[in-house]
């Protein structure tokens, strides 16, 4: 035979007489323990003029970044075809400081372009843009500053954020042409692709080239010339894709202190 489990005593729906759910005494509200906290009215503050917070800019508004390096026509030129400009160290520092104060655009204006949208990568395109080809266009709300060290040795005299020319330029096949790397992944799927974003940003930036004490002046100039050619080729590519290409420029820094981070050897 199977023994029957003992019945569970029933529970009343109300607490025993000696307990109560009323936290007040004689019908008056219980005292608030933190009496030092001031009472704030939920009404508007008319004494300070802060009745309502400032309105946020519309998320779909086009927020364009300004730069002290654009336009560059007033600066001296080192080369004319393609155009390479000169800036001194003071102008360079001021441009970087100004860029650091610029507000960032809404993420919806730069993504999914920053993820990498190669025309051959059908998985990536299907996930991010589907039939909206306009999302593949280069955003016009960005104007950055990319710092490139000629020679590519980033172990010494490295300015903060500087990159090597090999991170943005295709391997040279001849001396007449130059292009940015075709950096978007041709296959696979990723929602980040941080490794491509330095080159992606370079395509929508003014680019400043410098060298250290061991870098010959000719090397700095040839690097800047290659970059200027790549900018020109990128602009033509955008126009062929019916995109409005923004003008970006290439600069060489002059007059930097030899003790801090010299540009050229004597």
C-alpha atoms as a PDB file:
ATOM      1  CA  UNK A   1       0.000   0.000   0.000  1.00  0.00           C
ATOM      2  CA  UNK A   2       1.091   3.567  -0.700  1.00  0.00           C
ATOM      3  CA  UNK A   3       0.998   5.916   2.267  1.00  0.00           C
ATOM      4  CA  UNK A   4      -0.858   9.140   1.655  1.00  0.00           C
ATOM      5  CA  UNK A   5       1.079  12.336   2.278  1.00  0.00           C
ATOM      6  CA  UNK A   6      -0.197  14.353   5.226  1.00  0.00           C
ATOM      7  CA  UNK A   7      -2.437  17.228   4.314  1.00  0.00           C
ATOM      8  CA  UNK A   8      -0.866  20.667   4.304  1.00  0.00           C
ATOM      9  CA  UNK A   9      -2.595  23.017   6.743  1.00  0.00           C
ATOM     10  CA  UNK A  10      -4.573  25.697   5.020  1.00  0.00           C
ATOM     11  CA  UNK A  11      -3.344  29.285   5.084  1.00  0.00           C
ATOM     12  CA  UNK A  12      -5.536  32.221   5.873  1.00  0.00           C
ATOM     13  CA  UNK A  13      -5.627  35.112   3.426  1.00  0.00           C
ATOM     14  CA  UNK A  14      -5.304  37.652   6.239  1.00  0.00           C
ATOM     15  CA  UNK A  15      -2.432  38.080   8.678  1.00  0.00           C
ATOM     16  CA  UNK A  16      -2.855  37.050  12.325  1.00  0.00           C
ATOM     17  CA  UNK A  17      -4.344  39.660  14.657  1.00  0.00           C
ATOM     18  CA  UNK A  18      -0.972  40.597  16.147  1.00  0.00           C
ATOM     19  CA  UNK A  19       0.405  41.461  12.668  1.00  0.00           C
ATOM     20  CA  UNK A  20      -0.762  44.187  10.365  1.00  0.00           C
ATOM     21  CA  UNK A  21       0.106  45.484   6.915  1.00  0.00           C
ATOM     22  CA  UNK A  22      -0.583  49.065   7.985  1.00  0.00           C
ATOM     23  CA  UNK A  23       2.755  50.850   8.488  1.00  0.00           C
ATOM     24  CA  UNK A  24       1.128  53.960   9.876  1.00  0.00           C
ATOM     25  CA  UNK A  25       0.277  54.677  13.468  1.00  0.00           C
ATOM     26  CA  UNK A  26      -3.316  55.709  14.341  1.00  0.00           C
ATOM     27  CA  UNK A  27      -3.998  56.429  10.669  1.00  0.00           C
ATOM     28  CA  UNK A  28      -1.170  58.984  10.275  1.00  0.00           C
ATOM     29  CA  UNK A  29       1.598  58.431   7.740  1.00  0.00           C
ATOM     30  CA  UNK A  30       4.841  56.969   9.044  1.00  0.00           C
ATOM     31  CA  UNK A  31       7.662  59.450   9.510  1.00  0.00           C
ATOM     32  CA  UNK A  32      10.250  59.607   6.737  1.00  0.00           C
ATOM     33  CA  UNK A  33      13.615  58.666   8.274  1.00  0.00           C
ATOM     34  CA  UNK A  34      15.644  61.039   6.059  1.00  0.00           C
ATOM     35  CA  UNK A  35      14.166  64.325   7.220  1.00  0.00           C
ATOM     36  CA  UNK A  36      17.242  66.189   6.021  1.00  0.00           C
ATOM     37  CA  UNK A  37      16.260  65.656   2.394  1.00  0.00           C
ATOM     38  CA  UNK A  38      14.578  68.864   1.185  1.00  0.00           C
ATOM     39  CA  UNK A  39      11.142  68.745  -0.340  1.00  0.00           C
ATOM     40  CA  UNK A  40      11.278  69.480  -4.081  1.00  0.00           C
ATOM     41  CA  UNK A  41       8.201  70.574  -5.894  1.00  0.00           C
ATOM     42  CA  UNK A  42       7.468  68.752  -9.136  1.00  0.00           C
ATOM     43  CA  UNK A  43       6.582  72.064 -10.760  1.00  0.00           C
ATOM     44  CA  UNK A  44       8.707  73.966 -13.270  1.00  0.00           C
ATOM     45  CA  UNK A  45      11.690  76.044 -12.216  1.00  0.00           C
ATOM     46  CA  UNK A  46      10.920  79.548 -13.312  1.00  0.00           C
ATOM     47  CA  UNK A  47      13.528  81.235 -11.145  1.00  0.00           C
ATOM     48  CA  UNK A  48      16.519  80.008 -13.135  1.00  0.00           C
ATOM     49  CA  UNK A  49      15.059  79.961 -16.620  1.00  0.00           C
ATOM     50  CA  UNK A  50      15.470  76.158 -16.850  1.00  0.00           C
ATOM     51  CA  UNK A  51      11.788  75.416 -17.374  1.00  0.00           C
ATOM     52  CA  UNK A  52      12.512  72.965 -20.190  1.00  0.00           C
ATOM     53  CA  UNK A  53      15.763  71.361 -21.322  1.00  0.00           C
ATOM     54  CA  UNK A  54      17.253  72.488 -24.636  1.00  0.00           C
ATOM     55  CA  UNK A  55      15.896  70.659 -27.616  1.00  0.00           C
ATOM     56  CA  UNK A  56      18.128  67.928 -29.028  1.00  0.00           C
ATOM     57  CA  UNK A  57      19.062  68.213 -32.698  1.00  0.00           C
ATOM     58  CA  UNK A  58      17.034  65.999 -35.005  1.00  0.00           C
ATOM     59  CA  UNK A  59      18.635  62.587 -35.436  1.00  0.00           C
ATOM     60  CA  UNK A  60      18.292  62.784 -39.196  1.00  0.00           C
ATOM     61  CA  UNK A  61      19.992  66.184 -39.456  1.00  0.00           C
ATOM     62  CA  UNK A  62      23.301  66.300 -41.309  1.00  0.00           C
ATOM     63  CA  UNK A  63      26.011  67.269 -38.841  1.00  0.00           C
ATOM     64  CA  UNK A  64      29.158  68.191 -40.755  1.00  0.00           C
ATOM     65  CA  UNK A  65      32.535  68.323 -39.022  1.00  0.00           C
ATOM     66  CA  UNK A  66      34.530  71.516 -39.485  1.00  0.00           C
ATOM     67  CA  UNK A  67      38.319  71.580 -39.810  1.00  0.00           C
ATOM     68  CA  UNK A  68      41.002  74.251 -39.668  1.00  0.00           C
ATOM     69  CA  UNK A  69      42.677  72.533 -42.620  1.00  0.00           C
ATOM     70  CA  UNK A  70      39.726  73.095 -44.959  1.00  0.00           C
ATOM     71  CA  UNK A  71      39.754  74.907 -47.259  1.00  0.00           C
ATOM     72  CA  UNK A  72      43.517  74.711 -47.801  1.00  0.00           C
ATOM     73  CA  UNK A  73      43.967  77.080 -50.752  1.00  0.00           C
ATOM     74  CA  UNK A  74      45.536  79.785 -48.575  1.00  0.00           C
ATOM     75  CA  UNK A  75      48.399  77.502 -47.463  1.00  0.00           C
ATOM     76  CA  UNK A  76      51.755  77.212 -49.298  1.00  0.00           C
ATOM     77  CA  UNK A  77      52.167  74.316 -51.716  1.00  0.00           C
ATOM     78  CA  UNK A  78      55.057  71.892 -51.990  1.00  0.00           C
ATOM     79  CA  UNK A  79      53.700  70.178 -55.099  1.00  0.00           C
ATOM     80  CA  UNK A  80      51.057  71.230 -57.596  1.00  0.00           C
ATOM     81  CA  UNK A  81      50.287  67.993 -59.454  1.00  0.00           C
ATOM     82  CA  UNK A  82      49.015  66.431 -57.308  1.00  0.00           C
ATOM     83  CA  UNK A  83      48.674  69.233 -54.784  1.00  0.00           C
ATOM     84  CA  UNK A  84      50.544  68.831 -51.492  1.00  0.00           C
ATOM     85  CA  UNK A  85      50.361  71.628 -48.931  1.00  0.00           C
ATOM     86  CA  UNK A  86      52.687  72.676 -46.125  1.00  0.00           C
ATOM     87  CA  UNK A  87      51.688  73.449 -42.558  1.00  0.00           C
ATOM     88  CA  UNK A  88      53.864  74.376 -39.612  1.00  0.00           C
ATOM     89  CA  UNK A  89      53.787  72.606 -36.266  1.00  0.00           C
ATOM     90  CA  UNK A  90      51.638  75.287 -34.616  1.00  0.00           C
ATOM     91  CA  UNK A  91      48.950  75.023 -37.301  1.00  0.00           C
ATOM     92  CA  UNK A  92      49.048  71.250 -37.053  1.00  0.00           C
ATOM     93  CA  UNK A  93      48.532  71.277 -33.272  1.00  0.00           C
ATOM     94  CA  UNK A  94      45.727  73.830 -33.541  1.00  0.00           C
ATOM     95  CA  UNK A  95      43.971  71.708 -36.190  1.00  0.00           C
ATOM     96  CA  UNK A  96      44.142  68.605 -33.995  1.00  0.00           C
ATOM     97  CA  UNK A  97      42.848  70.506 -30.963  1.00  0.00           C
ATOM     98  CA  UNK A  98      39.966  71.914 -33.001  1.00  0.00           C
ATOM     99  CA  UNK A  99      39.076  68.479 -34.381  1.00  0.00           C
ATOM    100  CA  UNK A 100      38.969  67.046 -30.856  1.00  0.00           C
ATOM    101  CA  UNK A 101      36.215  69.517 -29.934  1.00  0.00           C
ATOM    102  CA  UNK A 102      33.933  68.618 -32.834  1.00  0.00           C
ATOM    103  CA  UNK A 103      30.726  66.704 -32.016  1.00  0.00           C
ATOM    104  CA  UNK A 104      30.458  63.193 -33.341  1.00  0.00           C
ATOM    105  CA  UNK A 105      27.784  62.517 -35.957  1.00  0.00           C
ATOM    106  CA  UNK A 106      24.815  60.334 -35.212  1.00  0.00           C
ATOM    107  CA  UNK A 107      25.874  56.658 -35.605  1.00  0.00           C
ATOM    108  CA  UNK A 108      23.095  56.147 -38.135  1.00  0.00           C
ATOM    109  CA  UNK A 109      24.902  58.552 -40.466  1.00  0.00           C
ATOM    110  CA  UNK A 110      28.166  56.584 -40.547  1.00  0.00           C
ATOM    111  CA  UNK A 111      26.996  53.001 -40.178  1.00  0.00           C
ATOM    112  CA  UNK A 112      26.735  50.573 -41.870  1.00  0.00           C
ATOM    113  CA  UNK A 113      29.335  52.202 -44.120  1.00  0.00           C
ATOM    114  CA  UNK A 114      31.984  51.800 -41.388  1.00  0.00           C
ATOM    115  CA  UNK A 115      31.278  48.062 -41.170  1.00  0.00           C
ATOM    116  CA  UNK A 116      32.589  47.462 -44.673  1.00  0.00           C
ATOM    117  CA  UNK A 117      30.191  47.005 -47.579  1.00  0.00           C
ATOM    118  CA  UNK A 118      32.065  45.369 -50.424  1.00  0.00           C
ATOM    119  CA  UNK A 119      30.058  44.921 -53.604  1.00  0.00           C
ATOM    120  CA  UNK A 120      31.020  41.225 -53.751  1.00  0.00           C
ATOM    121  CA  UNK A 121      30.061  40.462 -50.149  1.00  0.00           C
ATOM    122  CA  UNK A 122      26.431  39.495 -50.550  1.00  0.00           C
ATOM    123  CA  UNK A 123      26.018  38.353 -46.925  1.00  0.00           C
ATOM    124  CA  UNK A 124      27.202  41.649 -45.514  1.00  0.00           C
ATOM    125  CA  UNK A 125      25.133  43.656 -47.971  1.00  0.00           C
ATOM    126  CA  UNK A 126      21.991  41.603 -47.351  1.00  0.00           C
ATOM    127  CA  UNK A 127      22.261  42.083 -43.591  1.00  0.00           C
ATOM    128  CA  UNK A 128      22.998  45.805 -43.538  1.00  0.00           C
ATOM    129  CA  UNK A 129      21.580  47.479 -46.607  1.00  0.00           C
ATOM    130  CA  UNK A 130      19.329  45.006 -48.436  1.00  0.00           C
ATOM    131  CA  UNK A 131      17.890  47.097 -51.267  1.00  0.00           C
ATOM    132  CA  UNK A 132      18.861  50.499 -49.825  1.00  0.00           C
ATOM    133  CA  UNK A 133      21.935  51.242 -51.924  1.00  0.00           C
ATOM    134  CA  UNK A 134      22.088  54.765 -50.525  1.00  0.00           C
ATOM    135  CA  UNK A 135      23.482  53.332 -47.263  1.00  0.00           C
ATOM    136  CA  UNK A 136      26.606  52.242 -49.139  1.00  0.00           C
ATOM    137  CA  UNK A 137      27.546  55.829 -49.949  1.00  0.00           C
ATOM    138  CA  UNK A 138      30.432  57.520 -48.160  1.00  0.00           C
ATOM    139  CA  UNK A 139      28.964  59.724 -45.407  1.00  0.00           C
ATOM    140  CA  UNK A 140      29.304  63.454 -46.001  1.00  0.00           C
ATOM    141  CA  UNK A 141      29.074  64.304 -42.304  1.00  0.00           C
ATOM    142  CA  UNK A 142      32.669  63.235 -41.582  1.00  0.00           C
ATOM    143  CA  UNK A 143      35.850  65.241 -42.079  1.00  0.00           C
ATOM    144  CA  UNK A 144      38.680  63.826 -40.045  1.00  0.00           C
ATOM    145  CA  UNK A 145      42.432  64.274 -39.793  1.00  0.00           C
ATOM    146  CA  UNK A 146      44.605  61.223 -40.417  1.00  0.00           C
ATOM    147  CA  UNK A 147      48.259  61.414 -39.337  1.00  0.00           C
ATOM    148  CA  UNK A 148      50.718  59.309 -41.359  1.00  0.00           C
ATOM    149  CA  UNK A 149      54.368  58.758 -40.517  1.00  0.00           C
ATOM    150  CA  UNK A 150      56.557  58.506 -43.605  1.00  0.00           C
ATOM    151  CA  UNK A 151      58.728  55.407 -43.523  1.00  0.00           C
ATOM    152  CA  UNK A 152      56.186  53.575 -41.375  1.00  0.00           C
ATOM    153  CA  UNK A 153      58.430  53.054 -38.315  1.00  0.00           C
ATOM    154  CA  UNK A 154      56.015  53.632 -35.439  1.00  0.00           C
ATOM    155  CA  UNK A 155      58.438  52.490 -32.737  1.00  0.00           C
ATOM    156  CA  UNK A 156      59.989  55.947 -32.403  1.00  0.00           C
ATOM    157  CA  UNK A 157      58.919  59.593 -32.780  1.00  0.00           C
ATOM    158  CA  UNK A 158      55.320  58.445 -33.016  1.00  0.00           C
ATOM    159  CA  UNK A 159      52.668  61.135 -32.797  1.00  0.00           C
ATOM    160  CA  UNK A 160      49.506  60.008 -31.029  1.00  0.00           C
ATOM    161  CA  UNK A 161      47.202  58.279 -33.474  1.00  0.00           C
ATOM    162  CA  UNK A 162      49.760  58.148 -36.306  1.00  0.00           C
ATOM    163  CA  UNK A 163      49.581  55.224 -38.725  1.00  0.00           C
ATOM    164  CA  UNK A 164      51.843  53.738 -41.369  1.00  0.00           C
ATOM    165  CA  UNK A 165      51.328  54.464 -45.099  1.00  0.00           C
ATOM    166  CA  UNK A 166      50.902  50.723 -45.638  1.00  0.00           C
ATOM    167  CA  UNK A 167      47.709  50.816 -43.561  1.00  0.00           C
ATOM    168  CA  UNK A 168      45.908  52.953 -46.138  1.00  0.00           C
ATOM    169  CA  UNK A 169      47.753  52.694 -49.483  1.00  0.00           C
ATOM    170  CA  UNK A 170      47.721  49.817 -51.936  1.00  0.00           C
ATOM    171  CA  UNK A 171      51.111  48.254 -52.738  1.00  0.00           C
ATOM    172  CA  UNK A 172      52.807  50.324 -55.414  1.00  0.00           C
ATOM    173  CA  UNK A 173      52.690  48.830 -58.901  1.00  0.00           C
ATOM    174  CA  UNK A 174      54.097  51.879 -60.684  1.00  0.00           C
ATOM    175  CA  UNK A 175      55.188  55.420 -59.904  1.00  0.00           C
ATOM    176  CA  UNK A 176      52.363  57.121 -61.771  1.00  0.00           C
ATOM    177  CA  UNK A 177      49.315  55.891 -59.871  1.00  0.00           C
ATOM    178  CA  UNK A 178      48.304  55.291 -56.282  1.00  0.00           C
ATOM    179  CA  UNK A 179      45.121  54.125 -54.580  1.00  0.00           C
ATOM    180  CA  UNK A 180      43.700  53.568 -51.152  1.00  0.00           C
ATOM    181  CA  UNK A 181      43.408  49.955 -50.077  1.00  0.00           C
ATOM    182  CA  UNK A 182      40.238  48.151 -51.123  1.00  0.00           C
ATOM    183  CA  UNK A 183      39.722  47.428 -47.460  1.00  0.00           C
ATOM    184  CA  UNK A 184      36.111  46.198 -47.280  1.00  0.00           C
ATOM    185  CA  UNK A 185      36.004  42.399 -46.724  1.00  0.00           C
ATOM    186  CA  UNK A 186      35.028  40.536 -49.867  1.00  0.00           C
ATOM    187  CA  UNK A 187      33.499  37.643 -47.924  1.00  0.00           C
ATOM    188  CA  UNK A 188      32.411  36.689 -44.446  1.00  0.00           C
ATOM    189  CA  UNK A 189      30.210  38.578 -42.036  1.00  0.00           C
ATOM    190  CA  UNK A 190      31.028  40.937 -39.166  1.00  0.00           C
ATOM    191  CA  UNK A 191      29.230  43.754 -37.389  1.00  0.00           C
ATOM    192  CA  UNK A 192      32.484  45.409 -36.293  1.00  0.00           C
ATOM    193  CA  UNK A 193      35.527  45.088 -38.598  1.00  0.00           C
ATOM    194  CA  UNK A 194      37.607  47.473 -36.485  1.00  0.00           C
ATOM    195  CA  UNK A 195      40.700  46.507 -38.505  1.00  0.00           C
ATOM    196  CA  UNK A 196      39.411  48.331 -41.598  1.00  0.00           C
ATOM    197  CA  UNK A 197      38.291  51.567 -39.972  1.00  0.00           C
ATOM    198  CA  UNK A 198      41.642  53.408 -40.007  1.00  0.00           C
ATOM    199  CA  UNK A 199      41.662  53.135 -43.792  1.00  0.00           C
ATOM    200  CA  UNK A 200      37.947  53.920 -44.035  1.00  0.00           C
ATOM    201  CA  UNK A 201      38.466  57.118 -42.053  1.00  0.00           C
ATOM    202  CA  UNK A 202      41.478  58.073 -44.180  1.00  0.00           C
ATOM    203  CA  UNK A 203      39.246  58.210 -47.247  1.00  0.00           C
ATOM    204  CA  UNK A 204      37.181  60.959 -45.611  1.00  0.00           C
ATOM    205  CA  UNK A 205      40.000  62.866 -43.920  1.00  0.00           C
ATOM    206  CA  UNK A 206      42.606  65.474 -44.606  1.00  0.00           C
ATOM    207  CA  UNK A 207      45.911  63.616 -44.297  1.00  0.00           C
ATOM    208  CA  UNK A 208      49.004  65.028 -42.585  1.00  0.00           C
ATOM    209  CA  UNK A 209      52.386  63.425 -43.278  1.00  0.00           C
ATOM    210  CA  UNK A 210      55.474  63.796 -41.102  1.00  0.00           C
ATOM    211  CA  UNK A 211      58.853  62.118 -40.642  1.00  0.00           C
ATOM    212  CA  UNK A 212      61.465  61.753 -37.914  1.00  0.00           C
ATOM    213  CA  UNK A 213      65.158  62.642 -37.835  1.00  0.00           C
ATOM    214  CA  UNK A 214      66.106  59.520 -39.816  1.00  0.00           C
ATOM    215  CA  UNK A 215      63.520  60.023 -42.560  1.00  0.00           C
ATOM    216  CA  UNK A 216      64.873  61.845 -45.628  1.00  0.00           C
ATOM    217  CA  UNK A 217      62.834  64.789 -46.848  1.00  0.00           C
ATOM    218  CA  UNK A 218      62.419  63.071 -50.217  1.00  0.00           C
ATOM    219  CA  UNK A 219      60.745  60.107 -48.499  1.00  0.00           C
ATOM    220  CA  UNK A 220      58.270  62.358 -46.724  1.00  0.00           C
ATOM    221  CA  UNK A 221      57.456  64.163 -49.966  1.00  0.00           C
ATOM    222  CA  UNK A 222      57.047  60.944 -51.976  1.00  0.00           C
ATOM    223  CA  UNK A 223      54.698  59.529 -49.325  1.00  0.00           C
ATOM    224  CA  UNK A 224      52.597  62.687 -49.365  1.00  0.00           C
ATOM    225  CA  UNK A 225      52.501  62.614 -53.179  1.00  0.00           C
ATOM    226  CA  UNK A 226      51.255  59.019 -53.200  1.00  0.00           C
ATOM    227  CA  UNK A 227      48.528  59.913 -50.724  1.00  0.00           C
ATOM    228  CA  UNK A 228      47.458  62.955 -52.744  1.00  0.00           C
ATOM    229  CA  UNK A 229      47.182  60.738 -55.830  1.00  0.00           C
ATOM    230  CA  UNK A 230      45.109  58.233 -53.868  1.00  0.00           C
ATOM    231  CA  UNK A 231      42.778  61.021 -52.749  1.00  0.00           C
ATOM    232  CA  UNK A 232      42.335  62.125 -56.348  1.00  0.00           C
ATOM    233  CA  UNK A 233      41.635  58.555 -57.505  1.00  0.00           C
ATOM    234  CA  UNK A 234      39.141  58.070 -54.649  1.00  0.00           C
ATOM    235  CA  UNK A 235      37.304  61.252 -55.637  1.00  0.00           C
ATOM    236  CA  UNK A 236      37.035  60.086 -59.237  1.00  0.00           C
ATOM    237  CA  UNK A 237      35.752  56.695 -58.079  1.00  0.00           C
ATOM    238  CA  UNK A 238      33.007  58.346 -56.052  1.00  0.00           C
ATOM    239  CA  UNK A 239      31.956  60.466 -59.013  1.00  0.00           C
ATOM    240  CA  UNK A 240      31.754  57.363 -61.192  1.00  0.00           C
ATOM    241  CA  UNK A 241      29.383  55.895 -58.579  1.00  0.00           C
ATOM    242  CA  UNK A 242      27.203  59.021 -58.752  1.00  0.00           C
ATOM    243  CA  UNK A 243      28.374  60.217 -55.339  1.00  0.00           C
ATOM    244  CA  UNK A 244      29.178  63.781 -54.405  1.00  0.00           C
ATOM    245  CA  UNK A 245      32.880  63.713 -53.570  1.00  0.00           C
ATOM    246  CA  UNK A 246      34.162  66.034 -50.861  1.00  0.00           C
ATOM    247  CA  UNK A 247      37.545  67.668 -51.456  1.00  0.00           C
ATOM    248  CA  UNK A 248      40.262  66.430 -49.094  1.00  0.00           C
ATOM    249  CA  UNK A 249      43.878  67.564 -48.990  1.00  0.00           C
ATOM    250  CA  UNK A 250      47.339  66.253 -48.135  1.00  0.00           C
ATOM    251  CA  UNK A 251      49.809  68.165 -45.964  1.00  0.00           C
ATOM    252  CA  UNK A 252      53.449  67.964 -44.900  1.00  0.00           C
ATOM    253  CA  UNK A 253      54.404  69.246 -41.451  1.00  0.00           C
ATOM    254  CA  UNK A 254      57.378  71.599 -41.356  1.00  0.00           C
ATOM    255  CA  UNK A 255      59.290  73.240 -38.538  1.00  0.00           C
ATOM    256  CA  UNK A 256      58.832  70.553 -35.887  1.00  0.00           C
ATOM    257  CA  UNK A 257      61.355  70.522 -33.039  1.00  0.00           C
ATOM    258  CA  UNK A 258      64.240  68.085 -33.525  1.00  0.00           C
ATOM    259  CA  UNK A 259      64.264  67.413 -29.797  1.00  0.00           C
ATOM    260  CA  UNK A 260      60.588  66.456 -29.674  1.00  0.00           C
ATOM    261  CA  UNK A 261      59.845  64.847 -33.019  1.00  0.00           C
ATOM    262  CA  UNK A 262      61.859  66.255 -35.943  1.00  0.00           C
ATOM    263  CA  UNK A 263      60.506  66.259 -39.443  1.00  0.00           C
ATOM    264  CA  UNK A 264      63.618  66.082 -41.518  1.00  0.00           C
ATOM    265  CA  UNK A 265      67.327  65.514 -40.953  1.00  0.00           C
ATOM    266  CA  UNK A 266      69.632  68.435 -41.479  1.00  0.00           C
END
